[in-house]
Amino acid sequence: MSVATPPLGRRERQKQDKLARITAAASELFAKHGVDEVTTQQIADAADIGTGTLFLYAKTKGELLLLVQNAHYADALKRGRAAAMGELTAVDAVLALLGPVVECNRVQVDNGRTYLREMVFGDPSEPQHAAALDIVAQTEQAVADILVERAGIDAGEATTLARVISAIQFLELAASVNSDSTVPELLASTRAQVAAILPV
């Protein structure tokens, strides 16, 4: 017998509505202008709330970017998992998994690089940072699962290799030298590095 979830109260519905407006406003402004060119006042105005209210939901612009991007990255990971299922080799499956994540990161290059910086160097106890780190952990687990299933690698070694692959991906996406690289170029470079570290 399932237990029905009680309906949300008015206050909670209002909080969710404000969060949705903030997320939509930040997403639109960041995509149009880039995170560095947008002020919190612009986001508050677009969300039709006061800046004080905005800071109840996110204390910094970096947290706002995490709020926006986490949803995009979670969706990219979901698409990557589905794509990886159709691949036969470990390398092909790993690249199919990572492809949508790379594409997500490159929608707006500066936003993507700032997201990675915020994710790695931000406060892990802050909810949006914690959510971003959880997406990384899920991605690494998905890579490890592929390595176990497609390459027959021991689970412990697969976990280590997945973390190395995660580091490769981070460096490819965050490096200033790659700021003009296309998605296919980034994936080709990642493929070469992943193939080099996987046992034959």
C-alpha atoms as a PDB file:
ATOM      1  CA  MET A   1       0.000   0.000   0.000  1.00  0.00           C
ATOM      2  CA  SER A   2       1.508   3.310  -1.066  1.00  0.00           C
ATOM      3  CA  VAL A   3       1.450   6.314   1.204  1.00  0.00           C
ATOM      4  CA  ALA A   4       0.153   9.482  -0.428  1.00  0.00           C
ATOM      5  CA  THR A   5       2.447  12.475  -0.222  1.00  0.00           C
ATOM      6  CA  PRO A   6       0.661  15.315   1.540  1.00  0.00           C
ATOM      7  CA  PRO A   7       0.131  18.408  -0.630  1.00  0.00           C
ATOM      8  CA  LEU A   8       2.575  21.235  -0.179  1.00  0.00           C
ATOM      9  CA  GLY A   9       1.507  24.171   1.916  1.00  0.00           C
ATOM     10  CA  ARG A  10       1.183  27.641   0.468  1.00  0.00           C
ATOM     11  CA  ARG A  11       4.512  28.823   1.899  1.00  0.00           C
ATOM     12  CA  GLU A  12       6.392  25.871   0.437  1.00  0.00           C
ATOM     13  CA  ARG A  13       4.698  26.365  -2.950  1.00  0.00           C
ATOM     14  CA  GLN A  14       5.744  30.025  -2.896  1.00  0.00           C
ATOM     15  CA  LYS A  15       9.336  29.042  -2.103  1.00  0.00           C
ATOM     16  CA  GLN A  16       9.387  26.563  -4.981  1.00  0.00           C
ATOM     17  CA  ASP A  17       7.878  29.154  -7.312  1.00  0.00           C
ATOM     18  CA  LYS A  18      10.555  31.696  -6.361  1.00  0.00           C
ATOM     19  CA  LEU A  19      13.305  29.114  -6.825  1.00  0.00           C
ATOM     20  CA  ALA A  20      11.927  28.207 -10.261  1.00  0.00           C
ATOM     21  CA  ARG A  21      11.815  31.908 -11.248  1.00  0.00           C
ATOM     22  CA  ILE A  22      15.358  32.477 -10.000  1.00  0.00           C
ATOM     23  CA  THR A  23      16.643  29.415 -11.852  1.00  0.00           C
ATOM     24  CA  ALA A  24      14.898  30.404 -15.094  1.00  0.00           C
ATOM     25  CA  ALA A  25      16.097  34.018 -14.882  1.00  0.00           C
ATOM     26  CA  ALA A  26      19.687  33.046 -14.099  1.00  0.00           C
ATOM     27  CA  SER A  27      19.696  30.386 -16.816  1.00  0.00           C
ATOM     28  CA  GLU A  28      18.484  32.822 -19.466  1.00  0.00           C
ATOM     29  CA  LEU A  29      20.818  35.651 -18.459  1.00  0.00           C
ATOM     30  CA  PHE A  30      23.880  33.408 -18.089  1.00  0.00           C
ATOM     31  CA  ALA A  31      23.244  31.787 -21.477  1.00  0.00           C
ATOM     32  CA  LYS A  32      22.783  35.162 -23.162  1.00  0.00           C
ATOM     33  CA  HIS A  33      25.561  37.188 -21.543  1.00  0.00           C
ATOM     34  CA  GLY A  34      27.855  34.785 -19.681  1.00  0.00           C
ATOM     35  CA  VAL A  35      28.114  34.503 -15.919  1.00  0.00           C
ATOM     36  CA  ASP A  36      30.784  37.204 -15.586  1.00  0.00           C
ATOM     37  CA  GLU A  37      28.636  39.834 -17.311  1.00  0.00           C
ATOM     38  CA  VAL A  38      25.474  39.271 -15.267  1.00  0.00           C
ATOM     39  CA  THR A  39      24.808  40.874 -11.886  1.00  0.00           C
ATOM     40  CA  THR A  40      22.750  39.437  -9.066  1.00  0.00           C
ATOM     41  CA  GLN A  41      20.559  42.547  -9.323  1.00  0.00           C
ATOM     42  CA  GLN A  42      19.747  41.680 -12.953  1.00  0.00           C
ATOM     43  CA  ILE A  43      18.798  38.150 -11.910  1.00  0.00           C
ATOM     44  CA  ALA A  44      16.636  39.413  -9.046  1.00  0.00           C
ATOM     45  CA  ASP A  45      14.895  41.875 -11.366  1.00  0.00           C
ATOM     46  CA  ALA A  46      14.272  39.209 -14.013  1.00  0.00           C
ATOM     47  CA  ALA A  47      12.901  36.844 -11.343  1.00  0.00           C
ATOM     48  CA  ASP A  48      10.747  39.667  -9.937  1.00  0.00           C
ATOM     49  CA  ILE A  49      12.153  39.363  -6.422  1.00  0.00           C
ATOM     50  CA  GLY A  50      14.351  41.494  -4.180  1.00  0.00           C
ATOM     51  CA  THR A  51      18.090  40.874  -3.981  1.00  0.00           C
ATOM     52  CA  GLY A  52      17.709  39.975  -0.304  1.00  0.00           C
ATOM     53  CA  THR A  53      15.316  37.203  -1.267  1.00  0.00           C
ATOM     54  CA  LEU A  54      17.709  36.049  -3.985  1.00  0.00           C
ATOM     55  CA  PHE A  55      20.489  35.622  -1.426  1.00  0.00           C
ATOM     56  CA  LEU A  56      18.257  33.340   0.646  1.00  0.00           C
ATOM     57  CA  TYR A  57      18.434  30.865  -2.249  1.00  0.00           C
ATOM     58  CA  ALA A  58      22.038  31.409  -3.346  1.00  0.00           C
ATOM     59  CA  LYS A  59      24.676  33.461  -1.563  1.00  0.00           C
ATOM     60  CA  THR A  60      26.888  34.086  -4.608  1.00  0.00           C
ATOM     61  CA  LYS A  61      26.708  34.220  -8.366  1.00  0.00           C
ATOM     62  CA  GLY A  62      28.787  31.035  -8.399  1.00  0.00           C
ATOM     63  CA  GLU A  63      26.096  29.237  -6.426  1.00  0.00           C
ATOM     64  CA  LEU A  64      23.500  30.520  -8.881  1.00  0.00           C
ATOM     65  CA  LEU A  65      25.537  29.100 -11.746  1.00  0.00           C
ATOM     66  CA  LEU A  66      25.764  25.756  -9.945  1.00  0.00           C
ATOM     67  CA  LEU A  67      22.001  25.807  -9.408  1.00  0.00           C
ATOM     68  CA  VAL A  68      21.423  26.348 -13.118  1.00  0.00           C
ATOM     69  CA  GLN A  69      24.105  24.044 -14.462  1.00  0.00           C
ATOM     70  CA  ASN A  70      23.506  21.106 -12.115  1.00  0.00           C
ATOM     71  CA  ALA A  71      20.168  20.423 -13.785  1.00  0.00           C
ATOM     72  CA  HIS A  72      21.782  20.569 -17.247  1.00  0.00           C
ATOM     73  CA  TYR A  73      24.644  18.285 -16.215  1.00  0.00           C
ATOM     74  CA  ALA A  74      22.319  15.754 -14.573  1.00  0.00           C
ATOM     75  CA  ASP A  75      20.321  15.597 -17.807  1.00  0.00           C
ATOM     76  CA  ALA A  76      23.530  15.248 -19.846  1.00  0.00           C
ATOM     77  CA  LEU A  77      24.632  12.336 -17.667  1.00  0.00           C
ATOM     78  CA  LYS A  78      21.267  10.657 -18.167  1.00  0.00           C
ATOM     79  CA  ARG A  79      21.603  11.007 -21.953  1.00  0.00           C
ATOM     80  CA  GLY A  80      25.198   9.770 -21.783  1.00  0.00           C
ATOM     81  CA  ARG A  81      24.195   6.630 -19.880  1.00  0.00           C
ATOM     82  CA  ALA A  82      21.589   5.853 -22.512  1.00  0.00           C
ATOM     83  CA  ALA A  83      24.083   6.412 -25.344  1.00  0.00           C
ATOM     84  CA  ALA A  84      26.718   4.235 -23.673  1.00  0.00           C
ATOM     85  CA  MET A  85      24.354   1.257 -23.590  1.00  0.00           C
ATOM     86  CA  GLY A  86      24.546   0.979 -27.375  1.00  0.00           C
ATOM     87  CA  GLU A  87      28.356   0.739 -27.511  1.00  0.00           C
ATOM     88  CA  LEU A  88      30.351  -2.481 -27.468  1.00  0.00           C
ATOM     89  CA  THR A  89      33.846  -1.463 -26.402  1.00  0.00           C
ATOM     90  CA  ALA A  90      34.818   0.170 -23.136  1.00  0.00           C
ATOM     91  CA  VAL A  91      36.428   3.174 -24.840  1.00  0.00           C
ATOM     92  CA  ASP A  92      33.420   3.764 -27.103  1.00  0.00           C
ATOM     93  CA  ALA A  93      31.018   3.420 -24.170  1.00  0.00           C
ATOM     94  CA  VAL A  94      33.025   5.810 -21.980  1.00  0.00           C
ATOM     95  CA  LEU A  95      33.134   8.413 -24.759  1.00  0.00           C
ATOM     96  CA  ALA A  96      29.413   7.979 -25.429  1.00  0.00           C
ATOM     97  CA  LEU A  97      28.803   8.555 -21.733  1.00  0.00           C
ATOM     98  CA  LEU A  98      30.997  11.659 -21.605  1.00  0.00           C
ATOM     99  CA  GLY A  99      29.883  13.156 -24.934  1.00  0.00           C
ATOM    100  CA  PRO A 100      26.707  14.871 -23.684  1.00  0.00           C
ATOM    101  CA  VAL A 101      28.571  16.177 -20.630  1.00  0.00           C
ATOM    102  CA  VAL A 102      31.202  17.781 -22.871  1.00  0.00           C
ATOM    103  CA  GLU A 103      28.460  19.238 -25.075  1.00  0.00           C
ATOM    104  CA  CYS A 104      26.707  20.635 -21.995  1.00  0.00           C
ATOM    105  CA  ASN A 105      29.942  22.243 -20.811  1.00  0.00           C
ATOM    106  CA  ARG A 106      30.499  23.931 -24.182  1.00  0.00           C
ATOM    107  CA  VAL A 107      27.073  25.544 -24.623  1.00  0.00           C
ATOM    108  CA  GLN A 108      28.635  28.689 -23.166  1.00  0.00           C
ATOM    109  CA  VAL A 109      32.382  28.083 -22.708  1.00  0.00           C
ATOM    110  CA  ASP A 110      33.030  30.633 -19.965  1.00  0.00           C
ATOM    111  CA  ASN A 111      30.020  29.395 -17.992  1.00  0.00           C
ATOM    112  CA  GLY A 112      31.229  25.818 -18.383  1.00  0.00           C
ATOM    113  CA  ARG A 113      34.724  26.643 -17.169  1.00  0.00           C
ATOM    114  CA  THR A 114      33.388  28.724 -14.269  1.00  0.00           C
ATOM    115  CA  TYR A 115      31.044  25.872 -13.308  1.00  0.00           C
ATOM    116  CA  LEU A 116      33.976  23.467 -13.093  1.00  0.00           C
ATOM    117  CA  ARG A 117      35.983  25.928 -11.009  1.00  0.00           C
ATOM    118  CA  GLU A 118      33.063  26.520  -8.631  1.00  0.00           C
ATOM    119  CA  MET A 119      32.419  22.802  -8.376  1.00  0.00           C
ATOM    120  CA  VAL A 120      36.007  21.922  -7.492  1.00  0.00           C
ATOM    121  CA  PHE A 121      36.986  24.875  -5.325  1.00  0.00           C
ATOM    122  CA  GLY A 122      33.646  25.822  -3.771  1.00  0.00           C
ATOM    123  CA  ASP A 123      32.370  24.929  -0.326  1.00  0.00           C
ATOM    124  CA  PRO A 124      31.320  21.244  -0.484  1.00  0.00           C
ATOM    125  CA  SER A 125      28.901  21.749   2.416  1.00  0.00           C
ATOM    126  CA  GLU A 126      26.866  24.242   0.333  1.00  0.00           C
ATOM    127  CA  PRO A 127      23.892  22.363  -1.211  1.00  0.00           C
ATOM    128  CA  GLN A 128      24.553  23.321  -4.855  1.00  0.00           C
ATOM    129  CA  HIS A 129      28.238  22.417  -4.563  1.00  0.00           C
ATOM    130  CA  ALA A 130      27.291  19.131  -2.929  1.00  0.00           C
ATOM    131  CA  ALA A 131      24.848  18.435  -5.773  1.00  0.00           C
ATOM    132  CA  ALA A 132      27.557  19.147  -8.376  1.00  0.00           C
ATOM    133  CA  LEU A 133      29.998  16.820  -6.608  1.00  0.00           C
ATOM    134  CA  ASP A 134      27.285  14.159  -6.515  1.00  0.00           C
ATOM    135  CA  ILE A 135      26.931  14.432 -10.309  1.00  0.00           C
ATOM    136  CA  VAL A 136      30.694  13.908 -10.597  1.00  0.00           C
ATOM    137  CA  ALA A 137      30.472  10.864  -8.320  1.00  0.00           C
ATOM    138  CA  GLN A 138      27.609   9.450 -10.399  1.00  0.00           C
ATOM    139  CA  THR A 139      29.607  10.004 -13.589  1.00  0.00           C
ATOM    140  CA  GLU A 140      32.657   8.282 -12.133  1.00  0.00           C
ATOM    141  CA  GLN A 141      30.516   5.347 -10.991  1.00  0.00           C
ATOM    142  CA  ALA A 142      28.988   5.060 -14.467  1.00  0.00           C
ATOM    143  CA  VAL A 143      32.494   4.998 -15.988  1.00  0.00           C
ATOM    144  CA  ALA A 144      33.630   2.376 -13.457  1.00  0.00           C
ATOM    145  CA  ASP A 145      30.587   0.229 -14.263  1.00  0.00           C
ATOM    146  CA  ILE A 146      31.426   0.408 -17.973  1.00  0.00           C
ATOM    147  CA  LEU A 147      35.021  -0.643 -17.314  1.00  0.00           C
ATOM    148  CA  VAL A 148      33.882  -3.628 -15.240  1.00  0.00           C
ATOM    149  CA  GLU A 149      31.212  -4.723 -17.727  1.00  0.00           C
ATOM    150  CA  ARG A 150      32.948  -4.014 -21.062  1.00  0.00           C
ATOM    151  CA  ALA A 151      36.621  -4.499 -20.221  1.00  0.00           C
ATOM    152  CA  GLY A 152      36.438  -7.031 -17.382  1.00  0.00           C
ATOM    153  CA  ILE A 153      38.451  -4.761 -15.094  1.00  0.00           C
ATOM    154  CA  ASP A 154      38.366  -5.451 -11.361  1.00  0.00           C
ATOM    155  CA  ALA A 155      35.923  -3.139  -9.531  1.00  0.00           C
ATOM    156  CA  GLY A 156      38.623  -1.531  -7.372  1.00  0.00           C
ATOM    157  CA  GLU A 157      40.873  -0.801 -10.344  1.00  0.00           C
ATOM    158  CA  ALA A 158      37.869   0.394 -12.361  1.00  0.00           C
ATOM    159  CA  THR A 159      37.036   2.905  -9.630  1.00  0.00           C
ATOM    160  CA  THR A 160      40.598   4.247  -9.720  1.00  0.00           C
ATOM    161  CA  LEU A 161      40.616   4.447 -13.519  1.00  0.00           C
ATOM    162  CA  ALA A 162      37.249   6.215 -13.470  1.00  0.00           C
ATOM    163  CA  ARG A 163      38.722   8.915 -11.232  1.00  0.00           C
ATOM    164  CA  VAL A 164      41.666   9.298 -13.619  1.00  0.00           C
ATOM    165  CA  ILE A 165      39.256   9.606 -16.550  1.00  0.00           C
ATOM    166  CA  SER A 166      37.300  12.211 -14.573  1.00  0.00           C
ATOM    167  CA  ALA A 167      40.527  14.179 -14.073  1.00  0.00           C
ATOM    168  CA  ILE A 168      41.303  13.935 -17.791  1.00  0.00           C
ATOM    169  CA  GLN A 169      37.870  15.269 -18.639  1.00  0.00           C
ATOM    170  CA  PHE A 170      38.163  18.101 -16.111  1.00  0.00           C
ATOM    171  CA  LEU A 171      41.534  19.222 -17.497  1.00  0.00           C
ATOM    172  CA  GLU A 172      40.313  19.044 -21.090  1.00  0.00           C
ATOM    173  CA  LEU A 173      37.267  21.188 -20.309  1.00  0.00           C
ATOM    174  CA  ALA A 174      38.848  23.642 -17.865  1.00  0.00           C
ATOM    175  CA  ALA A 175      42.194  24.331 -19.538  1.00  0.00           C
ATOM    176  CA  SER A 176      42.508  27.822 -21.012  1.00  0.00           C
ATOM    177  CA  VAL A 177      44.415  26.410 -23.970  1.00  0.00           C
ATOM    178  CA  ASN A 178      41.240  24.489 -24.951  1.00  0.00           C
ATOM    179  CA  SER A 179      38.839  27.424 -24.694  1.00  0.00           C
ATOM    180  CA  ASP A 180      38.409  27.501 -28.488  1.00  0.00           C
ATOM    181  CA  SER A 181      38.362  23.719 -28.952  1.00  0.00           C
ATOM    182  CA  THR A 182      35.251  22.168 -30.458  1.00  0.00           C
ATOM    183  CA  VAL A 183      33.325  19.308 -28.891  1.00  0.00           C
ATOM    184  CA  PRO A 184      34.721  16.793 -31.444  1.00  0.00           C
ATOM    185  CA  GLU A 185      38.271  18.013 -30.749  1.00  0.00           C
ATOM    186  CA  LEU A 186      37.817  17.670 -26.995  1.00  0.00           C
ATOM    187  CA  LEU A 187      36.309  14.215 -27.353  1.00  0.00           C
ATOM    188  CA  ALA A 188      39.099  13.086 -29.704  1.00  0.00           C
ATOM    189  CA  SER A 189      41.732  14.207 -27.209  1.00  0.00           C
ATOM    190  CA  THR A 190      39.851  12.540 -24.356  1.00  0.00           C
ATOM    191  CA  ARG A 191      39.492   9.329 -26.391  1.00  0.00           C
ATOM    192  CA  ALA A 192      43.238   9.148 -27.018  1.00  0.00           C
ATOM    193  CA  GLN A 193      44.009   9.593 -23.326  1.00  0.00           C
ATOM    194  CA  VAL A 194      41.363   7.114 -22.164  1.00  0.00           C
ATOM    195  CA  ALA A 195      42.586   4.512 -24.672  1.00  0.00           C
ATOM    196  CA  ALA A 196      46.157   5.036 -23.442  1.00  0.00           C
ATOM    197  CA  ILE A 197      45.350   4.284 -19.801  1.00  0.00           C
ATOM    198  CA  LEU A 198      43.039   1.324 -20.274  1.00  0.00           C
ATOM    199  CA  PRO A 199      44.694  -2.087 -20.169  1.00  0.00           C
ATOM    200  CA  VAL A 200      44.831  -3.826 -23.537  1.00  0.00           C
END
